[in-house]
Structure formats: structure tokens, C-alpha cells
C-alpha atoms as a PDB file:
ATOM      1  CA  MET A   1     110.002  52.283 -53.787  1.00  0.00           C
ATOM      2  CA  GLY A   2     109.310  50.028 -50.823  1.00  0.00           C
ATOM      3  CA  TYR A   3     107.228  47.521 -52.758  1.00  0.00           C
ATOM      4  CA  LEU A   4     109.717  47.509 -55.646  1.00  0.00           C
ATOM      5  CA  SER A   5     112.599  46.789 -53.249  1.00  0.00           C
ATOM      6  CA  ARG A   6     110.561  44.073 -51.575  1.00  0.00           C
ATOM      7  CA  ALA A   7     109.894  42.553 -55.005  1.00  0.00           C
ATOM      8  CA  ILE A   8     113.606  42.463 -55.816  1.00  0.00           C
ATOM      9  CA  LEU A   9     114.541  40.975 -52.447  1.00  0.00           C
ATOM     10  CA  TYR A  10     111.959  38.191 -52.320  1.00  0.00           C
ATOM     11  CA  THR A  11     112.399  37.249 -55.973  1.00  0.00           C
ATOM     12  CA  LEU A  12     116.148  36.913 -55.513  1.00  0.00           C
ATOM     13  CA  ILE A  13     115.789  34.986 -52.258  1.00  0.00           C
ATOM     14  CA  GLY A  14     113.477  32.515 -54.004  1.00  0.00           C
ATOM     15  CA  ILE A  15     115.815  32.125 -56.977  1.00  0.00           C
ATOM     16  CA  ILE A  16     118.936  31.781 -54.815  1.00  0.00           C
ATOM     17  CA  ALA A  17     117.241  29.240 -52.530  1.00  0.00           C
ATOM     18  CA  LEU A  18     116.218  27.116 -55.526  1.00  0.00           C
ATOM     19  CA  THR A  19     119.496  27.350 -57.438  1.00  0.00           C
ATOM     20  CA  SER A  20     122.267  27.866 -54.879  1.00  0.00           C
ATOM     21  CA  VAL A  21     121.774  26.003 -51.627  1.00  0.00           C
ATOM     22  CA  GLY A  22     125.262  27.006 -50.512  1.00  0.00           C
ATOM     23  CA  SER A  23     124.437  30.715 -50.732  1.00  0.00           C
ATOM     24  CA  ILE A  24     121.088  30.459 -48.964  1.00  0.00           C
ATOM     25  CA  GLN A  25     122.635  28.377 -46.171  1.00  0.00           C
ATOM     26  CA  GLN A  26     124.751  31.439 -45.377  1.00  0.00           C
ATOM     27  CA  GLY A  27     121.474  33.179 -44.580  1.00  0.00           C
ATOM     28  CA  THR A  28     120.945  36.878 -45.201  1.00  0.00           C
ATOM     29  CA  ASN A  29     124.674  37.441 -45.652  1.00  0.00           C
ATOM     30  CA  GLY A  30     124.703  34.858 -48.441  1.00  0.00           C
ATOM     31  CA  VAL A  31     121.780  36.548 -50.174  1.00  0.00           C
ATOM     32  CA  PHE A  32     123.368  39.993 -50.123  1.00  0.00           C
ATOM     33  CA  ARG A  33     126.737  38.561 -51.131  1.00  0.00           C
ATOM     34  CA  ALA A  34     125.084  36.985 -54.179  1.00  0.00           C
ATOM     35  CA  ILE A  35     123.383  40.292 -55.032  1.00  0.00           C
ATOM     36  CA  GLU A  36     126.702  42.110 -54.688  1.00  0.00           C
ATOM     37  CA  GLU A  37     128.191  39.829 -57.361  1.00  0.00           C
ATOM     38  CA  PHE A  38     125.414  40.569 -59.870  1.00  0.00           C
ATOM     39  CA  PRO A  39     125.940  43.112 -62.672  1.00  0.00           C
ATOM     40  CA  ALA A  40     125.035  46.485 -61.121  1.00  0.00           C
ATOM     41  CA  GLY A  41     124.901  44.642 -57.806  1.00  0.00           C
ATOM     42  CA  MET A  42     126.033  47.679 -55.817  1.00  0.00           C
ATOM     43  CA  PHE A  43     123.208  49.746 -57.304  1.00  0.00           C
ATOM     44  CA  VAL A  44     120.721  47.023 -56.334  1.00  0.00           C
ATOM     45  CA  LEU A  45     122.077  46.960 -52.775  1.00  0.00           C
ATOM     46  CA  TRP A  46     121.625  50.710 -52.385  1.00  0.00           C
ATOM     47  CA  LEU A  47     118.155  50.450 -53.894  1.00  0.00           C
ATOM     48  CA  LEU A  48     117.348  47.855 -51.226  1.00  0.00           C
ATOM     49  CA  VAL A  49     118.777  50.074 -48.470  1.00  0.00           C
ATOM     50  CA  VAL A  50     116.524  52.980 -49.468  1.00  0.00           C
ATOM     51  CA  GLY A  51     113.491  50.944 -50.430  1.00  0.00           C
ATOM     52  CA  LEU A  52     113.430  48.607 -47.418  1.00  0.00           C
ATOM     53  CA  THR A  53     113.867  51.591 -45.096  1.00  0.00           C
ATOM     54  CA  ALA A  54     110.974  53.313 -46.857  1.00  0.00           C
ATOM     55  CA  TYR A  55     108.818  50.210 -46.510  1.00  0.00           C
ATOM     56  CA  GLY A  56     109.660  49.988 -42.809  1.00  0.00           C
ATOM     57  CA  LEU A  57     108.592  53.611 -42.349  1.00  0.00           C
ATOM     58  CA  PHE A  58     105.369  52.902 -44.242  1.00  0.00           C
ATOM     59  CA  ARG A  59     104.601  50.045 -41.854  1.00  0.00           C
ATOM     60  CA  LEU A  60     105.388  52.215 -38.820  1.00  0.00           C
ATOM     61  CA  ALA A  61     102.930  54.792 -40.168  1.00  0.00           C
ATOM     62  CA  SER A  62     100.346  52.024 -40.336  1.00  0.00           C
ATOM     63  CA  THR A  63     101.158  51.071 -36.732  1.00  0.00           C
ATOM     64  CA  PHE A  64     101.010  54.507 -35.122  1.00  0.00           C
ATOM     65  CA  PHE A  65      98.631  56.449 -37.390  1.00  0.00           C
ATOM     66  CA  ASP A  66      96.368  53.617 -38.580  1.00  0.00           C
ATOM     67  CA  ILE A  67      96.577  54.856 -42.156  1.00  0.00           C
ATOM     68  CA  GLU A  68      94.890  51.662 -43.390  1.00  0.00           C
ATOM     69  CA  ASN A  69      91.881  51.888 -41.067  1.00  0.00           C
ATOM     70  CA  HIS A  70      92.420  48.701 -39.067  1.00  0.00           C
ATOM     71  CA  GLY A  71      90.801  50.344 -36.054  1.00  0.00           C
ATOM     72  CA  SER A  72      91.504  50.164 -32.323  1.00  0.00           C
ATOM     73  CA  ASP A  73      89.641  47.002 -31.375  1.00  0.00           C
ATOM     74  CA  LYS A  74      91.559  43.846 -30.442  1.00  0.00           C
ATOM     75  CA  LYS A  75      91.844  42.654 -34.028  1.00  0.00           C
ATOM     76  CA  GLY A  76      92.936  46.071 -35.286  1.00  0.00           C
ATOM     77  CA  ILE A  77      95.543  46.483 -32.557  1.00  0.00           C
ATOM     78  CA  ALA A  78      96.923  43.009 -33.294  1.00  0.00           C
ATOM     79  CA  GLN A  79      97.224  43.857 -36.999  1.00  0.00           C
ATOM     80  CA  ARG A  80      98.981  47.134 -36.229  1.00  0.00           C
ATOM     81  CA  ILE A  81     101.387  45.405 -33.840  1.00  0.00           C
ATOM     82  CA  GLY A  82     102.079  42.931 -36.632  1.00  0.00           C
ATOM     83  CA  HIS A  83     102.943  45.849 -38.896  1.00  0.00           C
ATOM     84  CA  ALA A  84     105.397  47.055 -36.245  1.00  0.00           C
ATOM     85  CA  GLY A  85     107.115  43.659 -36.354  1.00  0.00           C
ATOM     86  CA  SER A  86     107.226  43.853 -40.148  1.00  0.00           C
ATOM     87  CA  ALA A  87     108.745  47.340 -39.934  1.00  0.00           C
ATOM     88  CA  ILE A  88     111.495  46.207 -37.579  1.00  0.00           C
ATOM     89  CA  GLY A  89     112.227  43.178 -39.757  1.00  0.00           C
ATOM     90  CA  HIS A  90     112.600  45.335 -42.866  1.00  0.00           C
ATOM     91  CA  PHE A  91     114.777  47.844 -41.003  1.00  0.00           C
ATOM     92  CA  ALA A  92     117.055  44.931 -40.055  1.00  0.00           C
ATOM     93  CA  LEU A  93     117.235  43.861 -43.702  1.00  0.00           C
ATOM     94  CA  ALA A  94     117.952  47.438 -44.787  1.00  0.00           C
ATOM     95  CA  PHE A  95     120.763  47.642 -42.227  1.00  0.00           C
ATOM     96  CA  SER A  96     122.283  44.390 -43.481  1.00  0.00           C
ATOM     97  CA  ALA A  97     122.129  45.677 -47.066  1.00  0.00           C
ATOM     98  CA  TYR A  98     123.751  48.921 -45.897  1.00  0.00           C
ATOM     99  CA  LYS A  99     126.631  46.998 -44.334  1.00  0.00           C
ATOM    100  CA  PHE A 100     127.247  45.176 -47.600  1.00  0.00           C
ATOM    101  CA  ALA A 101     127.022  48.398 -49.602  1.00  0.00           C
ATOM    102  CA  THR A 102     129.516  50.248 -47.405  1.00  0.00           C
ATOM    103  CA  GLN A 103     131.974  47.498 -46.459  1.00  0.00           C
ATOM    104  CA  SER A 104     133.932  45.180 -48.680  1.00  0.00           C
ATOM    105  CA  GLY A 105     132.132  41.833 -48.525  1.00  0.00           C
ATOM    106  CA  GLY A 106     129.703  43.262 -46.011  1.00  0.00           C
ATOM    107  CA  GLY A 107     131.839  42.201 -43.081  1.00  0.00           C
ATOM    108  CA  SER A 108     131.519  38.913 -41.273  1.00  0.00           C
ATOM    109  CA  GLY A 109     129.028  39.984 -38.638  1.00  0.00           C
ATOM    110  CA  ASP A 110     125.306  39.341 -38.580  1.00  0.00           C
ATOM    111  CA  GLY A 111     123.431  42.632 -38.273  1.00  0.00           C
ATOM    112  CA  ALA A 112     120.362  40.993 -36.749  1.00  0.00           C
ATOM    113  CA  GLN A 113     122.401  39.169 -34.116  1.00  0.00           C
ATOM    114  CA  GLU A 114     124.326  42.341 -33.275  1.00  0.00           C
ATOM    115  CA  ALA A 115     121.052  44.242 -32.880  1.00  0.00           C
ATOM    116  CA  ALA A 116     119.596  41.461 -30.711  1.00  0.00           C
ATOM    117  CA  SER A 117     122.696  41.471 -28.506  1.00  0.00           C
ATOM    118  CA  GLY A 118     122.314  45.229 -28.130  1.00  0.00           C
ATOM    119  CA  VAL A 119     118.687  44.845 -27.061  1.00  0.00           C
ATOM    120  CA  LEU A 120     119.601  42.135 -24.542  1.00  0.00           C
ATOM    121  CA  SER A 121     122.158  44.446 -22.962  1.00  0.00           C
ATOM    122  CA  PHE A 122     119.385  46.828 -21.864  1.00  0.00           C
ATOM    123  CA  PRO A 123     117.274  46.365 -18.730  1.00  0.00           C
ATOM    124  CA  LEU A 124     114.278  44.190 -19.620  1.00  0.00           C
ATOM    125  CA  GLY A 125     115.847  43.657 -23.047  1.00  0.00           C
ATOM    126  CA  ASP A 126     115.027  39.953 -22.929  1.00  0.00           C
ATOM    127  CA  ILE A 127     111.359  40.772 -22.397  1.00  0.00           C
ATOM    128  CA  LEU A 128     111.409  43.234 -25.289  1.00  0.00           C
ATOM    129  CA  LEU A 129     113.028  40.680 -27.599  1.00  0.00           C
ATOM    130  CA  GLY A 130     110.430  38.068 -26.689  1.00  0.00           C
ATOM    131  CA  LEU A 131     107.604  40.545 -27.278  1.00  0.00           C
ATOM    132  CA  LEU A 132     109.073  41.304 -30.679  1.00  0.00           C
ATOM    133  CA  GLY A 133     108.968  37.575 -31.368  1.00  0.00           C
ATOM    134  CA  LEU A 134     105.272  37.574 -30.492  1.00  0.00           C
ATOM    135  CA  CYS A 135     104.795  40.438 -32.963  1.00  0.00           C
ATOM    136  CA  PHE A 136     106.269  38.259 -35.689  1.00  0.00           C
ATOM    137  CA  LEU A 137     104.060  35.320 -34.709  1.00  0.00           C
ATOM    138  CA  ALA A 138     101.005  37.594 -34.820  1.00  0.00           C
ATOM    139  CA  THR A 139     102.126  38.822 -38.228  1.00  0.00           C
ATOM    140  CA  ALA A 140     102.497  35.209 -39.386  1.00  0.00           C
ATOM    141  CA  VAL A 141      98.892  34.492 -38.418  1.00  0.00           C
ATOM    142  CA  PHE A 142      97.608  37.446 -40.411  1.00  0.00           C
ATOM    143  CA  GLN A 143      99.871  36.576 -43.349  1.00  0.00           C
ATOM    144  CA  ALA A 144      98.447  33.051 -43.442  1.00  0.00           C
ATOM    145  CA  LYS A 145      94.897  34.369 -43.151  1.00  0.00           C
ATOM    146  CA  LYS A 146      95.508  36.758 -46.045  1.00  0.00           C
ATOM    147  CA  GLY A 147      96.906  33.952 -48.158  1.00  0.00           C
ATOM    148  CA  ILE A 148      93.910  31.691 -47.508  1.00  0.00           C
ATOM    149  CA  THR A 149      91.108  34.267 -47.763  1.00  0.00           C
ATOM    150  CA  GLY A 150      92.572  36.584 -50.397  1.00  0.00           C
ATOM    151  CA  SER A 151      91.533  39.584 -48.288  1.00  0.00           C
ATOM    152  CA  PHE A 152      94.553  41.518 -49.579  1.00  0.00           C
ATOM    153  CA  MET A 153      92.773  41.977 -52.907  1.00  0.00           C
ATOM    154  CA  ASN A 154      90.557  44.729 -51.466  1.00  0.00           C
ATOM    155  CA  ARG A 155      93.544  47.090 -51.524  1.00  0.00           C
ATOM    156  CA  ILE A 156      94.660  46.286 -55.052  1.00  0.00           C
ATOM    157  CA  SER A 157      93.358  48.042 -58.148  1.00  0.00           C
ATOM    158  CA  ALA A 158      90.930  46.082 -60.320  1.00  0.00           C
ATOM    159  CA  ARG A 159      93.344  46.715 -63.206  1.00  0.00           C
ATOM    160  CA  ALA A 160      95.897  44.307 -61.686  1.00  0.00           C
ATOM    161  CA  PRO A 161      96.665  41.057 -63.587  1.00  0.00           C
ATOM    162  CA  SER A 162      94.207  38.198 -63.041  1.00  0.00           C
ATOM    163  CA  ALA A 163      96.943  35.993 -61.514  1.00  0.00           C
ATOM    164  CA  THR A 164      97.471  38.448 -58.651  1.00  0.00           C
ATOM    165  CA  ARG A 165      95.190  36.520 -56.266  1.00  0.00           C
ATOM    166  CA  TRP A 166      97.145  33.291 -56.669  1.00  0.00           C
ATOM    167  CA  LEU A 167     100.560  34.916 -56.590  1.00  0.00           C
ATOM    168  CA  GLY A 168      99.647  36.692 -53.378  1.00  0.00           C
ATOM    169  CA  GLY A 169      97.983  33.661 -51.801  1.00  0.00           C
ATOM    170  CA  ALA A 170     101.010  31.420 -52.290  1.00  0.00           C
ATOM    171  CA  GLY A 171     103.382  34.219 -51.325  1.00  0.00           C
ATOM    172  CA  TYR A 172     101.631  35.104 -48.078  1.00  0.00           C
ATOM    173  CA  LEU A 173     101.528  31.462 -46.968  1.00  0.00           C
ATOM    174  CA  ALA A 174     105.265  31.075 -47.612  1.00  0.00           C
ATOM    175  CA  ARG A 175     105.940  34.337 -45.802  1.00  0.00           C
ATOM    176  CA  ALA A 176     103.882  33.140 -42.821  1.00  0.00           C
ATOM    177  CA  ILE A 177     106.176  30.116 -42.484  1.00  0.00           C
ATOM    178  CA  VAL A 178     109.259  32.344 -42.523  1.00  0.00           C
ATOM    179  CA  PHE A 179     107.765  34.740 -39.965  1.00  0.00           C
ATOM    180  CA  VAL A 180     107.035  31.838 -37.597  1.00  0.00           C
ATOM    181  CA  VAL A 181     110.709  30.811 -37.792  1.00  0.00           C
ATOM    182  CA  ILE A 182     111.860  34.390 -37.149  1.00  0.00           C
ATOM    183  CA  GLY A 183     109.413  34.937 -34.293  1.00  0.00           C
ATOM    184  CA  TRP A 184     110.308  31.678 -32.566  1.00  0.00           C
ATOM    185  CA  SER A 185     114.026  32.476 -32.811  1.00  0.00           C
ATOM    186  CA  LEU A 186     113.393  35.830 -31.101  1.00  0.00           C
ATOM    187  CA  ILE A 187     111.332  34.236 -28.333  1.00  0.00           C
ATOM    188  CA  ARG A 188     113.928  31.522 -27.724  1.00  0.00           C
ATOM    189  CA  SER A 189     116.745  34.059 -27.650  1.00  0.00           C
ATOM    190  CA  GLY A 190     114.921  36.528 -25.407  1.00  0.00           C
ATOM    191  CA  TRP A 191     112.884  34.407 -23.006  1.00  0.00           C
ATOM    192  CA  PHE A 192     114.626  31.033 -22.922  1.00  0.00           C
ATOM    193  CA  SER A 193     118.274  32.136 -23.215  1.00  0.00           C
ATOM    194  CA  SER A 194     118.801  29.335 -25.696  1.00  0.00           C
ATOM    195  CA  GLY A 195     121.877  30.917 -27.266  1.00  0.00           C
ATOM    196  CA  GLU A 196     120.216  30.409 -30.662  1.00  0.00           C
ATOM    197  CA  SER A 197     120.992  33.086 -33.235  1.00  0.00           C
ATOM    198  CA  VAL A 198     118.192  35.478 -34.080  1.00  0.00           C
ATOM    199  CA  LYS A 199     117.089  34.831 -37.636  1.00  0.00           C
ATOM    200  CA  THR A 200     116.312  37.330 -40.368  1.00  0.00           C
ATOM    201  CA  LEU A 201     114.654  36.515 -43.677  1.00  0.00           C
ATOM    202  CA  GLY A 202     117.546  34.707 -45.371  1.00  0.00           C
ATOM    203  CA  ASN A 203     118.533  32.847 -42.208  1.00  0.00           C
ATOM    204  CA  ALA A 204     114.952  31.684 -41.671  1.00  0.00           C
ATOM    205  CA  VAL A 205     114.771  30.257 -45.194  1.00  0.00           C
ATOM    206  CA  ALA A 206     118.176  28.615 -44.725  1.00  0.00           C
ATOM    207  CA  SER A 207     116.987  26.908 -41.541  1.00  0.00           C
ATOM    208  CA  LEU A 208     114.428  25.001 -43.627  1.00  0.00           C
ATOM    209  CA  ALA A 209     117.063  23.630 -46.021  1.00  0.00           C
ATOM    210  CA  ASP A 210     116.976  20.156 -44.465  1.00  0.00           C
ATOM    211  CA  ASP A 211     113.185  19.909 -44.624  1.00  0.00           C
ATOM    212  CA  GLY A 212     112.965  18.778 -48.249  1.00  0.00           C
ATOM    213  CA  ILE A 213     109.623  19.590 -49.814  1.00  0.00           C
ATOM    214  CA  TRP A 214     108.833  22.310 -47.248  1.00  0.00           C
ATOM    215  CA  PHE A 215     112.020  24.133 -48.146  1.00  0.00           C
ATOM    216  CA  THR A 216     111.213  23.907 -51.864  1.00  0.00           C
ATOM    217  CA  LEU A 217     107.603  25.025 -51.408  1.00  0.00           C
ATOM    218  CA  THR A 218     108.686  27.943 -49.209  1.00  0.00           C
ATOM    219  CA  ALA A 219     111.347  29.009 -51.718  1.00  0.00           C
ATOM    220  CA  VAL A 220     108.847  28.874 -54.597  1.00  0.00           C
ATOM    221  CA  GLY A 221     106.318  30.774 -52.483  1.00  0.00           C
ATOM    222  CA  LEU A 222     108.819  33.532 -51.716  1.00  0.00           C
ATOM    223  CA  LEU A 223     109.676  33.800 -55.407  1.00  0.00           C
ATOM    224  CA  LEU A 224     105.972  34.198 -56.169  1.00  0.00           C
ATOM    225  CA  PHE A 225     105.686  36.766 -53.352  1.00  0.00           C
ATOM    226  CA  GLY A 226     108.429  38.748 -55.077  1.00  0.00           C
ATOM    227  CA  LEU A 227     106.410  38.767 -58.305  1.00  0.00           C
ATOM    228  CA  PHE A 228     103.314  39.695 -56.292  1.00  0.00           C
ATOM    229  CA  SER A 229     105.198  42.615 -54.721  1.00  0.00           C
ATOM    230  CA  LEU A 230     106.117  43.812 -58.195  1.00  0.00           C
ATOM    231  CA  VAL A 231     102.402  43.923 -58.993  1.00  0.00           C
ATOM    232  CA  LEU A 232     101.811  45.864 -55.758  1.00  0.00           C
ATOM    233  CA  ALA A 233     104.441  48.437 -56.725  1.00  0.00           C
ATOM    234  CA  ARG A 234     102.155  49.342 -59.621  1.00  0.00           C
ATOM    235  CA  TYR A 235      98.620  48.511 -58.496  1.00  0.00           C
ATOM    236  CA  ARG A 236      98.537  48.785 -54.665  1.00  0.00           C
ATOM    237  CA  ILE A 237      95.956  51.285 -53.392  1.00  0.00           C
ATOM    238  CA  ILE A 238      97.969  53.574 -51.113  1.00  0.00           C
ATOM    239  CA  PRO A 239      96.110  55.341 -48.273  1.00  0.00           C
ATOM    240  CA  ASP A 240      96.431  59.109 -48.294  1.00  0.00           C
ATOM    241  CA  MET A 241      95.714  60.915 -45.027  1.00  0.00           C
ATOM    242  CA  ASP A 242      93.724  64.149 -45.107  1.00  0.00           C
ATOM    243  CA  ALA A 243      94.869  67.461 -43.648  1.00  0.00           C
ATOM    244  CA  SER A 244      93.647  66.557 -40.162  1.00  0.00           C
ATOM    245  CA  GLY A 245      95.818  63.426 -40.149  1.00  0.00           C
ATOM    246  CA  SER A 246      92.885  61.197 -39.275  1.00  0.00           C
ATOM    247  CA  THR A 247      90.522  59.905 -41.932  1.00  0.00           C
ATOM    248  CA  PRO A 248      92.383  58.111 -44.712  1.00  0.00           C
ATOM    249  CA  LYS A 249      91.339  58.615 -48.274  1.00  0.00           C
ATOM    250  CA  PHE A 250      92.375  56.162 -50.943  1.00  0.00           C
ATOM    251  CA  ARG A 251      93.911  56.649 -54.318  1.00  0.00           C
ATOM    252  CA  ALA A 252      95.200  54.159 -56.842  1.00  0.00           C
ATOM    253  CA  GLY A 253      98.945  53.703 -56.387  1.00  0.00           C
END
């Protein structure tokens, strides 16, 4: 469910960015507003609410229970922290989709900015927000590395389509760019009190709209990442913990 929802979201973001600059410039709100206007748009929104929440929980399980065997060395800890950042990002997207599904027009507020303001209201909230930004930057590094090396293929069934490597490579590189934008916005908001809005996925893509070829390449990459996620929904090898909750076993998913 999580990978299917991710496929829908990224595919639509890529298509909307390439065909409707006005919608993507509204950021995440513009993306969900466009989805809401599709045939069966409300069903798609609720599917995203459930699926993105499920994907966030999956990434939290990877963070706290190491279900994908990253280990506890420096590299493994960094990867697991990156998964925590991914989880929080997908929870934010799920919350935004929920607002659109339960309110007419989704309201005018930005769920990510509201959440960031809530964090800043707590003691040491600015430090926490900046650390979250570092999580996204760490995730961006690993996303780029995956895209270049193709290391993600070791968790995909050999029955997957032959184009999977190239879909994933382009998609991960585009996603790395977006995660850098999101992470930097969190750091600026938390540690430098810049007053800059915290960016979620749609807002990060929108911020590249004036960058010409980089915007187009990122949009195409995200579209390809959506198609790649659709492949993952069918062919991803999902770790299955044993009764002791420690040693993961693997089964084709």
C-alpha cells in the first residue's frame, strides 16, 4: 500500500510539474488540489492518506528495529536516521492529504508550516527542527548514492522489468535534489530564524520552477520515480522479522 501510494504521488507530481506550472507553484496544496479535481479524486486522496501513513510506519520500523539489516555502525546509523527523516516527511504528506480529504478545498493552511511552528514553540524546538533538516540532507546523500550505484537493486526481485535500474537511478537522483531543498529549508527555519517557509515535496519542486533545465530534469526524474515505485509495489523484497524480533528474513513482496 505504501509503495503504491508513493507511486501515485510521485507520478502525479511529475506530470503536474511538467504540464501545469501554476499548480506546482502552489506547492503541495496545488498538487492535492489537482488530485481532488480528478475523477475519483477523493478516493485517491484517501488512498494517499492511508498509504503514505503506512509507508511512514514502515520507515520508522526500519529506523528503530533495523528490519533491513543496516547495522549499528556509523553508516548504518546514518541510513536509519535518514529513514526517520523519510518517515516524518511522508507523515507530513499524509496529513496534508488528510486535510484535503476532510475539508472543502483542503483549507488555506500549509500543514508542514503549521507542524514546524508547533515544533518551534517547544523548548529546544529550533534545535530539533535543524536536526530534522540534517536527517533530510543525510537521506539526500544516500538517495544520490543509490541512484549512482544502483545498490537498491539488491532488494528487488530478479523478475522485475529490465528498465527498473534506470527508472530507479534517475528517480533517486531527482529525489536527492528535492530532499536537499527540504532539508535546507528546515535548517534555515530552525537554526537561522530566516522566516523561510518549511518545504514539503510539492513546495520543494515548486521552488525549482525558475531554474529552467534543472526544474524539468527534476520533474521528469520524479515522474520516473513514481513508475519505479509502482514496480516496487510488486517486486520489492520486504523484510519479515522472525518471532524473536531480531534477525530479518526476506521474502519476495
